[in-house]
PDB file of N, CA and C in Angstrom:
ATOM      1  N   MET A   1       1.430  -0.759   0.241  1.00  0.00           N
ATOM      2  CA  MET A   1       0.350   0.041   0.004  1.00  0.00           C
ATOM      3  C   MET A   1       0.808   1.118  -0.093  1.00  0.00           C
ATOM      4  N   SER A   2       0.629   2.091  -0.452  1.00  0.00           N
ATOM      5  CA  SER A   2       1.863   3.218  -1.017  1.00  0.00           C
ATOM      6  C   SER A   2       0.610   4.829  -1.143  1.00  0.00           C
ATOM      7  N   SER A   3       1.157   5.631  -0.180  1.00  0.00           N
ATOM      8  CA  SER A   3       0.067   6.736  -0.557  1.00  0.00           C
ATOM      9  C   SER A   3       0.501   7.399  -1.896  1.00  0.00           C
ATOM     10  N   ILE A   4      -0.784   7.770  -3.121  1.00  0.00           N
ATOM     11  CA  ILE A   4      -0.298   8.836  -3.633  1.00  0.00           C
ATOM     12  C   ILE A   4      -0.659  10.474  -3.153  1.00  0.00           C
ATOM     13  N   VAL A   5      -1.580  10.823  -2.334  1.00  0.00           N
ATOM     14  CA  VAL A   5      -1.865  12.235  -1.726  1.00  0.00           C
ATOM     15  C   VAL A   5      -2.328  11.799   0.268  1.00  0.00           C
ATOM     16  N   ASP A   6      -1.070  13.274   0.284  1.00  0.00           N
ATOM     17  CA  ASP A   6      -1.993  12.784   1.931  1.00  0.00           C
ATOM     18  C   ASP A   6      -2.633  14.757   1.657  1.00  0.00           C
ATOM     19  N   VAL A   7      -3.473  14.841   2.460  1.00  0.00           N
ATOM     20  CA  VAL A   7      -4.063  15.467   3.052  1.00  0.00           C
ATOM     21  C   VAL A   7      -3.998  16.250   4.159  1.00  0.00           C
ATOM     22  N   ARG A   8      -3.678  17.413   4.771  1.00  0.00           N
ATOM     23  CA  ARG A   8      -4.038  17.610   6.383  1.00  0.00           C
ATOM     24  C   ARG A   8      -4.337  19.390   6.103  1.00  0.00           C
ATOM     25  N   LEU A   9      -5.685  18.749   6.321  1.00  0.00           N
ATOM     26  CA  LEU A   9      -6.480  21.195   6.927  1.00  0.00           C
ATOM     27  C   LEU A   9      -6.898  20.940   8.317  1.00  0.00           C
ATOM     28  N   GLY A  10      -6.149  21.121   8.816  1.00  0.00           N
ATOM     29  CA  GLY A  10      -6.666  21.811   9.937  1.00  0.00           C
ATOM     30  C   GLY A  10      -7.050  20.020  11.364  1.00  0.00           C
ATOM     31  N   ASP A  11      -8.381  19.334  11.457  1.00  0.00           N
ATOM     32  CA  ASP A  11      -8.785  18.525  11.307  1.00  0.00           C
ATOM     33  C   ASP A  11      -8.562  17.244  10.850  1.00  0.00           C
ATOM     34  N   TYR A  12      -9.082  17.934   9.625  1.00  0.00           N
ATOM     35  CA  TYR A  12      -9.194  17.181   8.299  1.00  0.00           C
ATOM     36  C   TYR A  12      -8.178  16.140   8.373  1.00  0.00           C
ATOM     37  N   HIS A  13      -8.264  14.860   8.214  1.00  0.00           N
ATOM     38  CA  HIS A  13      -6.283  14.647   7.533  1.00  0.00           C
ATOM     39  C   HIS A  13      -6.998  13.030   6.451  1.00  0.00           C
ATOM     40  N   GLY A  14      -7.297  13.456   5.073  1.00  0.00           N
ATOM     41  CA  GLY A  14      -7.565  12.282   4.161  1.00  0.00           C
ATOM     42  C   GLY A  14      -6.149  11.832   3.607  1.00  0.00           C
ATOM     43  N   GLU A  15      -6.284  10.351   3.574  1.00  0.00           N
ATOM     44  CA  GLU A  15      -5.164   9.680   2.303  1.00  0.00           C
ATOM     45  C   GLU A  15      -6.396   8.985   0.772  1.00  0.00           C
ATOM     46  N   TRP A  16      -5.461   8.927  -0.442  1.00  0.00           N
ATOM     47  CA  TRP A  16      -5.831   8.119  -0.972  1.00  0.00           C
ATOM     48  C   TRP A  16      -4.197   7.051  -0.489  1.00  0.00           C
ATOM     49  N   VAL A  17      -5.036   6.117  -1.041  1.00  0.00           N
ATOM     50  CA  VAL A  17      -4.027   4.849  -1.052  1.00  0.00           C
ATOM     51  C   VAL A  17      -3.725   4.583  -2.743  1.00  0.00           C
ATOM     52  N   LEU A  18      -2.564   3.555  -3.086  1.00  0.00           N
ATOM     53  CA  LEU A  18      -2.927   2.882  -3.919  1.00  0.00           C
ATOM     54  C   LEU A  18      -2.336   1.197  -3.760  1.00  0.00           C
ATOM     55  N   ASP A  19      -3.570   0.566  -3.161  1.00  0.00           N
ATOM     56  CA  ASP A  19      -3.371  -1.325  -2.687  1.00  0.00           C
ATOM     57  C   ASP A  19      -4.140  -2.640  -4.092  1.00  0.00           C
ATOM     58  N   SER A  20      -2.664  -2.194  -4.141  1.00  0.00           N
ATOM     59  CA  SER A  20      -2.489  -3.671  -4.709  1.00  0.00           C
ATOM     60  C   SER A  20      -3.218  -3.558  -6.452  1.00  0.00           C
ATOM     61  N   GLY A  21      -2.992  -2.151  -7.119  1.00  0.00           N
ATOM     62  CA  GLY A  21      -3.756  -1.735  -8.168  1.00  0.00           C
ATOM     63  C   GLY A  21      -5.191  -1.088  -7.990  1.00  0.00           C
ATOM     64  N   VAL A  22      -5.926  -1.093  -6.914  1.00  0.00           N
ATOM     65  CA  VAL A  22      -7.092  -0.033  -6.306  1.00  0.00           C
ATOM     66  C   VAL A  22      -6.504   1.174  -5.813  1.00  0.00           C
ATOM     67  N   VAL A  23      -7.417   2.174  -5.936  1.00  0.00           N
ATOM     68  CA  VAL A  23      -7.465   3.719  -5.430  1.00  0.00           C
ATOM     69  C   VAL A  23      -8.078   3.268  -3.986  1.00  0.00           C
ATOM     70  N   ARG A  24      -7.974   3.427  -2.807  1.00  0.00           N
ATOM     71  CA  ARG A  24      -8.943   4.310  -1.561  1.00  0.00           C
ATOM     72  C   ARG A  24      -8.700   4.660  -0.912  1.00  0.00           C
ATOM     73  N   TYR A  25      -9.660   5.412  -0.358  1.00  0.00           N
ATOM     74  CA  TYR A  25     -10.005   7.078   0.549  1.00  0.00           C
ATOM     75  C   TYR A  25      -9.530   5.822   1.340  1.00  0.00           C
ATOM     76  N   VAL A  26      -8.766   7.216   2.754  1.00  0.00           N
ATOM     77  CA  VAL A  26      -8.837   6.910   3.911  1.00  0.00           C
ATOM     78  C   VAL A  26      -8.782   7.901   4.634  1.00  0.00           C
ATOM     79  N   GLU A  27     -10.023   8.620   5.155  1.00  0.00           N
ATOM     80  CA  GLU A  27     -10.441   9.478   6.465  1.00  0.00           C
ATOM     81  C   GLU A  27      -9.299   8.589   7.922  1.00  0.00           C
ATOM     82  N   HIS A  28      -9.312   9.691   8.695  1.00  0.00           N
ATOM     83  CA  HIS A  28      -8.812   9.584   9.681  1.00  0.00           C
ATOM     84  C   HIS A  28      -9.285  10.663  10.800  1.00  0.00           C
ATOM     85  N   MET A  29     -10.358  10.016  11.649  1.00  0.00           N
ATOM     86  CA  MET A  29     -11.471  10.569  12.674  1.00  0.00           C
ATOM     87  C   MET A  29     -10.825  11.710  14.038  1.00  0.00           C
ATOM     88  N   GLY A  30     -10.143  11.716  14.857  1.00  0.00           N
ATOM     89  CA  GLY A  30      -9.970  11.152  15.841  1.00  0.00           C
ATOM     90  C   GLY A  30      -8.486  10.009  15.954  1.00  0.00           C
ATOM     91  N   GLY A  31      -9.714   8.778  16.622  1.00  0.00           N
ATOM     92  CA  GLY A  31      -8.475   7.588  16.655  1.00  0.00           C
ATOM     93  C   GLY A  31      -9.168   6.701  15.390  1.00  0.00           C
ATOM     94  N   ASP A  32     -10.350   7.526  15.223  1.00  0.00           N
ATOM     95  CA  ASP A  32     -10.556   6.248  13.410  1.00  0.00           C
ATOM     96  C   ASP A  32     -10.648   6.331  12.555  1.00  0.00           C
ATOM     97  N   VAL A  33     -10.699   5.354  11.238  1.00  0.00           N
ATOM     98  CA  VAL A  33      -9.954   5.548  10.483  1.00  0.00           C
ATOM     99  C   VAL A  33     -11.459   4.340  10.056  1.00  0.00           C
ATOM    100  N   ILE A  34     -11.677   5.977   9.031  1.00  0.00           N
ATOM    101  CA  ILE A  34     -12.990   5.337   7.797  1.00  0.00           C
ATOM    102  C   ILE A  34     -12.519   5.246   6.062  1.00  0.00           C
ATOM    103  N   GLU A  35     -12.127   3.417   5.340  1.00  0.00           N
ATOM    104  CA  GLU A  35     -11.475   3.180   4.947  1.00  0.00           C
ATOM    105  C   GLU A  35     -12.309   3.229   3.818  1.00  0.00           C
ATOM    106  N   ALA A  36     -12.401   3.683   2.749  1.00  0.00           N
ATOM    107  CA  ALA A  36     -13.629   2.858   0.789  1.00  0.00           C
ATOM    108  C   ALA A  36     -12.844   2.617  -0.416  1.00  0.00           C
ATOM    109  N   GLU A  37     -13.533   1.972  -0.714  1.00  0.00           N
ATOM    110  CA  GLU A  37     -12.338   2.436  -2.542  1.00  0.00           C
ATOM    111  C   GLU A  37     -13.046   3.326  -3.540  1.00  0.00           C
ATOM    112  N   LEU A  38     -12.649   4.242  -4.100  1.00  0.00           N
ATOM    113  CA  LEU A  38     -12.877   5.054  -5.098  1.00  0.00           C
ATOM    114  C   LEU A  38     -13.039   4.347  -6.320  1.00  0.00           C
ATOM    115  N   GLU A  39     -14.905   5.227  -6.522  1.00  0.00           N
ATOM    116  CA  GLU A  39     -15.401   4.510  -7.200  1.00  0.00           C
ATOM    117  C   GLU A  39     -14.870   5.384  -8.458  1.00  0.00           C
ATOM    118  N   GLY A  40     -15.035   4.288  -9.656  1.00  0.00           N
ATOM    119  CA  GLY A  40     -14.883   4.209 -11.002  1.00  0.00           C
ATOM    120  C   GLY A  40     -13.250   4.950 -11.166  1.00  0.00           C
ATOM    121  N   CYS A  41     -12.091   4.295 -10.863  1.00  0.00           N
ATOM    122  CA  CYS A  41     -10.807   4.648 -10.968  1.00  0.00           C
ATOM    123  C   CYS A  41     -10.383   3.269 -11.594  1.00  0.00           C
ATOM    124  N   GLY A  42      -9.661   3.682 -13.187  1.00  0.00           N
ATOM    125  CA  GLY A  42      -9.535   2.210 -14.071  1.00  0.00           C
ATOM    126  C   GLY A  42      -8.395   2.240 -13.777  1.00  0.00           C
ATOM    127  N   GLU A  43      -7.287   1.522 -14.550  1.00  0.00           N
ATOM    128  CA  GLU A  43      -6.115   1.785 -14.606  1.00  0.00           C
ATOM    129  C   GLU A  43      -5.477   3.266 -14.363  1.00  0.00           C
ATOM    130  N   ASP A  44      -5.700   4.477 -15.186  1.00  0.00           N
ATOM    131  CA  ASP A  44      -5.324   5.925 -15.318  1.00  0.00           C
ATOM    132  C   ASP A  44      -5.754   6.315 -14.233  1.00  0.00           C
ATOM    133  N   TYR A  45      -5.586   6.272 -12.410  1.00  0.00           N
ATOM    134  CA  TYR A  45      -6.001   6.464 -11.741  1.00  0.00           C
ATOM    135  C   TYR A  45      -6.526   7.811 -11.812  1.00  0.00           C
ATOM    136  N   THR A  46      -5.357   8.753 -12.267  1.00  0.00           N
ATOM    137  CA  THR A  46      -4.873  10.116 -11.978  1.00  0.00           C
ATOM    138  C   THR A  46      -6.100  11.344 -12.117  1.00  0.00           C
ATOM    139  N   ASP A  47      -7.386  11.320 -12.985  1.00  0.00           N
ATOM    140  CA  ASP A  47      -7.955  12.055 -12.575  1.00  0.00           C
ATOM    141  C   ASP A  47      -9.080  11.801 -11.419  1.00  0.00           C
ATOM    142  N   CYS A  48      -9.159  10.584 -12.117  1.00  0.00           N
ATOM    143  CA  CYS A  48     -10.793  10.045 -10.506  1.00  0.00           C
ATOM    144  C   CYS A  48      -9.509  10.471  -9.295  1.00  0.00           C
ATOM    145  N   VAL A  49      -8.092  10.818  -9.396  1.00  0.00           N
ATOM    146  CA  VAL A  49      -7.648  11.052  -7.606  1.00  0.00           C
ATOM    147  C   VAL A  49      -7.930  12.473  -7.620  1.00  0.00           C
ATOM    148  N   ILE A  50      -7.279  12.983  -8.586  1.00  0.00           N
ATOM    149  CA  ILE A  50      -7.848  14.249  -8.551  1.00  0.00           C
ATOM    150  C   ILE A  50      -8.898  15.223  -8.314  1.00  0.00           C
ATOM    151  N   ASP A  51      -9.700  14.836  -9.131  1.00  0.00           N
ATOM    152  CA  ASP A  51     -11.674  15.383  -8.931  1.00  0.00           C
ATOM    153  C   ASP A  51     -11.580  14.872  -7.409  1.00  0.00           C
ATOM    154  N   ASP A  52     -11.469  13.965  -6.778  1.00  0.00           N
ATOM    155  CA  ASP A  52     -11.240  13.304  -5.281  1.00  0.00           C
ATOM    156  C   ASP A  52     -11.366  14.173  -4.360  1.00  0.00           C
ATOM    157  N   VAL A  53     -10.267  14.613  -4.690  1.00  0.00           N
ATOM    158  CA  VAL A  53      -8.910  15.424  -3.242  1.00  0.00           C
ATOM    159  C   VAL A  53      -9.560  16.764  -3.655  1.00  0.00           C
ATOM    160  N   VAL A  54      -9.595  17.470  -5.335  1.00  0.00           N
ATOM    161  CA  VAL A  54     -10.414  19.337  -5.190  1.00  0.00           C
ATOM    162  C   VAL A  54     -11.100  18.460  -5.011  1.00  0.00           C
ATOM    163  N   LYS A  55     -12.697  17.664  -4.600  1.00  0.00           N
ATOM    164  CA  LYS A  55     -13.661  18.052  -3.726  1.00  0.00           C
ATOM    165  C   LYS A  55     -13.488  17.945  -2.847  1.00  0.00           C
ATOM    166  N   ARG A  56     -13.586  17.222  -1.853  1.00  0.00           N
ATOM    167  CA  ARG A  56     -12.860  16.909  -1.086  1.00  0.00           C
ATOM    168  C   ARG A  56     -12.441  18.572  -0.458  1.00  0.00           C
ATOM    169  N   PHE A  57     -11.036  18.627  -1.104  1.00  0.00           N
ATOM    170  CA  PHE A  57     -10.307  19.671  -0.739  1.00  0.00           C
ATOM    171  C   PHE A  57     -10.968  21.311  -1.141  1.00  0.00           C
ATOM    172  N   GLY A  58     -12.322  21.154  -1.413  1.00  0.00           N
ATOM    173  CA  GLY A  58     -13.250  22.118  -1.952  1.00  0.00           C
ATOM    174  C   GLY A  58     -14.407  22.553  -0.810  1.00  0.00           C
ATOM    175  N   ASP A  59     -14.942  21.063  -0.791  1.00  0.00           N
ATOM    176  CA  ASP A  59     -15.490  21.240   0.906  1.00  0.00           C
ATOM    177  C   ASP A  59     -15.047  21.601   2.037  1.00  0.00           C
ATOM    178  N   GLU A  60     -14.234  21.925   2.296  1.00  0.00           N
ATOM    179  CA  GLU A  60     -13.385  21.647   3.766  1.00  0.00           C
ATOM    180  C   GLU A  60     -13.281  22.829   3.584  1.00  0.00           C
ATOM    181  N   LEU A  61     -13.030  23.933   3.039  1.00  0.00           N
ATOM    182  CA  LEU A  61     -12.171  25.108   2.735  1.00  0.00           C
ATOM    183  C   LEU A  61     -13.243  26.081   2.090  1.00  0.00           C
ATOM    184  N   LYS A  62     -14.511  25.122   1.997  1.00  0.00           N
ATOM    185  CA  LYS A  62     -15.704  26.708   0.865  1.00  0.00           C
ATOM    186  C   LYS A  62     -14.912  27.689  -0.136  1.00  0.00           C
ATOM    187  N   LEU A  63     -14.460  26.691  -0.900  1.00  0.00           N
ATOM    188  CA  LEU A  63     -13.574  27.407  -2.558  1.00  0.00           C
ATOM    189  C   LEU A  63     -14.304  27.912  -3.441  1.00  0.00           C
ATOM    190  N   PRO A  64     -14.608  28.645  -3.959  1.00  0.00           N
ATOM    191  CA  PRO A  64     -15.048  28.410  -5.280  1.00  0.00           C
ATOM    192  C   PRO A  64     -15.357  28.074  -6.268  1.00  0.00           C
ATOM    193  N   ARG A  65     -15.309  27.824  -7.264  1.00  0.00           N
ATOM    194  CA  ARG A  65     -14.991  26.321  -8.255  1.00  0.00           C
ATOM    195  C   ARG A  65     -13.747  27.398  -9.507  1.00  0.00           C
ATOM    196  N   SER A  66     -13.784  28.698  -9.364  1.00  0.00           N
ATOM    197  CA  SER A  66     -13.116  29.053  -9.900  1.00  0.00           C
ATOM    198  C   SER A  66     -12.026  28.445 -10.196  1.00  0.00           C
ATOM    199  N   VAL A  67     -11.829  29.027  -7.947  1.00  0.00           N
ATOM    200  CA  VAL A  67     -10.637  28.877  -7.650  1.00  0.00           C
ATOM    201  C   VAL A  67     -10.042  26.637  -7.636  1.00  0.00           C
ATOM    202  N   LEU A  68     -11.323  26.057  -7.748  1.00  0.00           N
ATOM    203  CA  LEU A  68     -10.495  24.950  -7.822  1.00  0.00           C
ATOM    204  C   LEU A  68     -10.206  24.530  -9.023  1.00  0.00           C
ATOM    205  N   GLY A  69     -10.684  25.056 -10.358  1.00  0.00           N
ATOM    206  CA  GLY A  69     -10.664  24.931 -11.139  1.00  0.00           C
ATOM    207  C   GLY A  69      -8.485  25.344 -11.768  1.00  0.00           C
ATOM    208  N   SER A  70      -8.262  26.418 -11.293  1.00  0.00           N
ATOM    209  CA  SER A  70      -6.566  25.887 -10.689  1.00  0.00           C
ATOM    210  C   SER A  70      -5.765  25.687 -10.272  1.00  0.00           C
ATOM    211  N   VAL A  71      -6.694  24.881  -9.031  1.00  0.00           N
ATOM    212  CA  VAL A  71      -5.887  24.423  -7.857  1.00  0.00           C
ATOM    213  C   VAL A  71      -6.177  22.248  -8.945  1.00  0.00           C
ATOM    214  N   ARG A  72      -6.712  22.649  -9.386  1.00  0.00           N
ATOM    215  CA  ARG A  72      -7.176  21.789 -10.198  1.00  0.00           C
ATOM    216  C   ARG A  72      -5.873  20.801 -11.107  1.00  0.00           C
ATOM    217  N   ALA A  73      -6.252  22.147 -11.977  1.00  0.00           N
ATOM    218  CA  ALA A  73      -4.424  21.957 -12.720  1.00  0.00           C
ATOM    219  C   ALA A  73      -3.106  22.014 -12.531  1.00  0.00           C
ATOM    220  N   ARG A  74      -3.010  22.574 -11.269  1.00  0.00           N
ATOM    221  CA  ARG A  74      -1.743  22.943 -10.630  1.00  0.00           C
ATOM    222  C   ARG A  74      -1.183  21.603  -9.800  1.00  0.00           C
ATOM    223  N   LEU A  75      -2.932  20.789  -9.276  1.00  0.00           N
ATOM    224  CA  LEU A  75      -2.009  19.382  -8.763  1.00  0.00           C
ATOM    225  C   LEU A  75      -1.912  18.487  -9.789  1.00  0.00           C
ATOM    226  N   LYS A  76      -2.570  18.256 -11.004  1.00  0.00           N
ATOM    227  CA  LYS A  76      -2.119  17.800 -11.533  1.00  0.00           C
ATOM    228  C   LYS A  76      -0.927  17.788 -12.372  1.00  0.00           C
ATOM    229  N   ALA A  77      -0.071  19.291 -12.490  1.00  0.00           N
ATOM    230  CA  ALA A  77       0.867  19.046 -12.837  1.00  0.00           C
ATOM    231  C   ALA A  77       1.921  18.974 -12.291  1.00  0.00           C
ATOM    232  N   LEU A  78       1.454  18.658 -10.793  1.00  0.00           N
ATOM    233  CA  LEU A  78       2.567  18.830  -9.911  1.00  0.00           C
ATOM    234  C   LEU A  78       2.821  17.412  -9.779  1.00  0.00           C
ATOM    235  N   GLY A  79       1.604  16.389  -9.876  1.00  0.00           N
ATOM    236  CA  GLY A  79       2.036  15.240 -10.078  1.00  0.00           C
ATOM    237  C   GLY A  79       2.295  14.224  -9.427  1.00  0.00           C
ATOM    238  N   PHE A  80       2.309  12.558  -9.069  1.00  0.00           N
ATOM    239  CA  PHE A  80       2.116  12.042  -7.708  1.00  0.00           C
ATOM    240  C   PHE A  80       3.381  11.849  -7.436  1.00  0.00           C
ATOM    241  N   PRO A  81       3.669  11.114  -5.817  1.00  0.00           N
ATOM    242  CA  PRO A  81       3.006  11.874  -5.014  1.00  0.00           C
ATOM    243  C   PRO A  81       2.288  13.141  -4.014  1.00  0.00           C
ATOM    244  N   LEU A  82       1.790  12.923  -3.441  1.00  0.00           N
ATOM    245  CA  LEU A  82       0.606  14.589  -3.102  1.00  0.00           C
ATOM    246  C   LEU A  82       0.806  14.800  -1.411  1.00  0.00           C
ATOM    247  N   VAL A  83       1.299  15.790  -1.598  1.00  0.00           N
ATOM    248  CA  VAL A  83       1.532  16.545  -0.032  1.00  0.00           C
ATOM    249  C   VAL A  83       0.904  18.154   0.524  1.00  0.00           C
ATOM    250  N   ILE A  84      -0.518  17.458   0.927  1.00  0.00           N
ATOM    251  CA  ILE A  84      -1.407  19.099   0.599  1.00  0.00           C
ATOM    252  C   ILE A  84      -1.122  19.102   2.308  1.00  0.00           C
ATOM    253  N   THR A  85      -1.301  20.431   2.776  1.00  0.00           N
ATOM    254  CA  THR A  85      -0.784  21.068   3.930  1.00  0.00           C
ATOM    255  C   THR A  85      -1.452  22.573   4.054  1.00  0.00           C
ATOM    256  N   LEU A  86      -2.608  22.652   5.166  1.00  0.00           N
ATOM    257  CA  LEU A  86      -2.664  23.944   5.889  1.00  0.00           C
ATOM    258  C   LEU A  86      -2.266  24.281   7.155  1.00  0.00           C
ATOM    259  N   ARG A  87      -1.559  25.742   6.919  1.00  0.00           N
ATOM    260  CA  ARG A  87      -0.848  26.443   8.132  1.00  0.00           C
ATOM    261  C   ARG A  87      -1.150  28.073   7.948  1.00  0.00           C
ATOM    262  N   GLU A  88      -1.804  28.376   9.427  1.00  0.00           N
ATOM    263  CA  GLU A  88      -2.559  28.898   9.588  1.00  0.00           C
ATOM    264  C   GLU A  88      -2.066  30.265  10.380  1.00  0.00           C
ATOM    265  N   GLU A  89      -1.449  31.102   9.991  1.00  0.00           N
ATOM    266  CA  GLU A  89      -0.746  32.585  10.473  1.00  0.00           C
ATOM    267  C   GLU A  89      -2.599  33.581  10.528  1.00  0.00           C
ATOM    268  N   VAL A  90      -1.897  34.875  11.721  1.00  0.00           N
ATOM    269  CA  VAL A  90      -3.078  36.239  12.025  1.00  0.00           C
ATOM    270  C   VAL A  90      -3.906  35.947  11.418  1.00  0.00           C
ATOM    271  N   ASN A  91      -3.696  36.424   9.540  1.00  0.00           N
ATOM    272  CA  ASN A  91      -5.317  36.502   8.929  1.00  0.00           C
ATOM    273  C   ASN A  91      -4.961  36.011   7.508  1.00  0.00           C
ATOM    274  N   VAL A  92      -4.217  35.200   7.747  1.00  0.00           N
ATOM    275  CA  VAL A  92      -3.886  34.358   6.248  1.00  0.00           C
ATOM    276  C   VAL A  92      -4.215  32.787   6.910  1.00  0.00           C
ATOM    277  N   SER A  93      -4.408  32.045   5.078  1.00  0.00           N
ATOM    278  CA  SER A  93      -4.268  31.034   5.604  1.00  0.00           C
ATOM    279  C   SER A  93      -3.615  30.608   4.447  1.00  0.00           C
ATOM    280  N   ILE A  94      -2.645  29.864   4.132  1.00  0.00           N
ATOM    281  CA  ILE A  94      -1.068  28.773   3.392  1.00  0.00           C
ATOM    282  C   ILE A  94      -1.866  27.731   3.523  1.00  0.00           C
ATOM    283  N   VAL A  95      -2.240  27.171   1.742  1.00  0.00           N
ATOM    284  CA  VAL A  95      -1.680  25.418   1.986  1.00  0.00           C
ATOM    285  C   VAL A  95      -1.052  25.804   0.785  1.00  0.00           C
ATOM    286  N   GLU A  96      -0.260  24.880   1.953  1.00  0.00           N
ATOM    287  CA  GLU A  96       1.434  24.808   0.529  1.00  0.00           C
ATOM    288  C   GLU A  96       0.740  22.960  -0.366  1.00  0.00           C
ATOM    289  N   PHE A  97       1.564  23.100  -2.344  1.00  0.00           N
ATOM    290  CA  PHE A  97       1.558  21.709  -1.918  1.00  0.00           C
ATOM    291  C   PHE A  97       2.351  21.299  -2.821  1.00  0.00           C
ATOM    292  N   ARG A  98       2.773  20.283  -2.326  1.00  0.00           N
ATOM    293  CA  ARG A  98       3.804  19.669  -2.635  1.00  0.00           C
ATOM    294  C   ARG A  98       4.302  18.472  -3.121  1.00  0.00           C
ATOM    295  N   GLY A  99       3.804  18.068  -4.753  1.00  0.00           N
ATOM    296  CA  GLY A  99       4.362  17.102  -6.007  1.00  0.00           C
ATOM    297  C   GLY A  99       5.548  16.390  -6.063  1.00  0.00           C
ATOM    298  N   LYS A 100       5.460  15.687  -7.073  1.00  0.00           N
ATOM    299  CA  LYS A 100       7.413  15.015  -7.420  1.00  0.00           C
ATOM    300  C   LYS A 100       7.803  16.328  -8.950  1.00  0.00           C
ATOM    301  N   ASN A 101       6.928  17.206  -9.130  1.00  0.00           N
ATOM    302  CA  ASN A 101       7.255  18.058  -9.470  1.00  0.00           C
ATOM    303  C   ASN A 101       7.218  19.785  -9.841  1.00  0.00           C
ATOM    304  N   GLY A 102       7.400  19.608  -8.288  1.00  0.00           N
ATOM    305  CA  GLY A 102       7.746  21.050  -7.633  1.00  0.00           C
ATOM    306  C   GLY A 102       6.285  21.571  -6.540  1.00  0.00           C
ATOM    307  N   ASN A 103       5.954  22.581  -6.253  1.00  0.00           N
ATOM    308  CA  ASN A 103       5.282  22.930  -4.978  1.00  0.00           C
ATOM    309  C   ASN A 103       4.909  24.223  -6.200  1.00  0.00           C
ATOM    310  N   ALA A 104       3.552  24.228  -4.279  1.00  0.00           N
ATOM    311  CA  ALA A 104       3.196  25.408  -4.959  1.00  0.00           C
ATOM    312  C   ALA A 104       2.548  25.715  -3.901  1.00  0.00           C
ATOM    313  N   GLN A 105       1.857  26.979  -3.532  1.00  0.00           N
ATOM    314  CA  GLN A 105       0.701  27.750  -2.328  1.00  0.00           C
ATOM    315  C   GLN A 105      -0.372  27.961  -3.438  1.00  0.00           C
ATOM    316  N   LEU A 106      -1.244  28.082  -2.053  1.00  0.00           N
ATOM    317  CA  LEU A 106      -3.334  29.336  -2.062  1.00  0.00           C
ATOM    318  C   LEU A 106      -3.015  29.658  -1.013  1.00  0.00           C
ATOM    319  N   ILE A 107      -2.599  30.872  -1.163  1.00  0.00           N
ATOM    320  CA  ILE A 107      -2.795  32.057   0.254  1.00  0.00           C
ATOM    321  C   ILE A 107      -4.580  32.717   0.153  1.00  0.00           C
ATOM    322  N   ILE A 108      -4.936  32.162   0.726  1.00  0.00           N
ATOM    323  CA  ILE A 108      -5.827  33.236   1.324  1.00  0.00           C
ATOM    324  C   ILE A 108      -6.203  33.683   2.275  1.00  0.00           C
ATOM    325  N   ARG A 109      -6.415  35.343   1.942  1.00  0.00           N
ATOM    326  CA  ARG A 109      -6.413  36.239   3.187  1.00  0.00           C
ATOM    327  C   ARG A 109      -7.511  36.677   3.142  1.00  0.00           C
ATOM    328  N   TYR A 110      -7.657  37.235   5.253  1.00  0.00           N
ATOM    329  CA  TYR A 110      -8.251  37.096   5.757  1.00  0.00           C
ATOM    330  C   TYR A 110      -8.559  39.041   5.931  1.00  0.00           C
ATOM    331  N   GLN A 111      -9.827  40.010   5.483  1.00  0.00           N
ATOM    332  CA  GLN A 111     -10.307  41.172   6.289  1.00  0.00           C
ATOM    333  C   GLN A 111     -10.732  41.102   6.136  1.00  0.00           C
ATOM    334  N   LEU A 112     -11.541  42.136   7.932  1.00  0.00           N
ATOM    335  CA  LEU A 112     -12.726  42.353   8.012  1.00  0.00           C
ATOM    336  C   LEU A 112     -12.732  43.826   7.966  1.00  0.00           C
ATOM    337  N   ILE A 113     -14.259  43.963   7.720  1.00  0.00           N
ATOM    338  CA  ILE A 113     -14.000  45.605   6.596  1.00  0.00           C
ATOM    339  C   ILE A 113     -15.041  46.307   7.394  1.00  0.00           C
ATOM    340  N   SER A 114     -15.014  47.271   7.927  1.00  0.00           N
ATOM    341  CA  SER A 114     -16.398  47.718   9.094  1.00  0.00           C
ATOM    342  C   SER A 114     -16.788  49.307   8.447  1.00  0.00           C
TER     343      SER A 114
END
């Protein structure tokens, strides 16, 4: 079993693993582990996995579709294995993407206007 994508966003930890040619999604929740086979993935599982990663990533961070389209394209270019982590600072959330072909960041700034 080898990890092809590892995502850590605050309390969320999801992992996509390749197990004997089958892609499995593993979610770590506290001490529990939920595991399921990723449906619809064939031998070329790249698009299937990236689509699932982007969907879950967008759901967790509540990102607009236009941003998710750019994230999807960047993840595909970075290549497997991928590690995605969230770092929070004062008024900024920084999502770091590390893949076989390089690194990228998504910077989300928060501003309160009164």
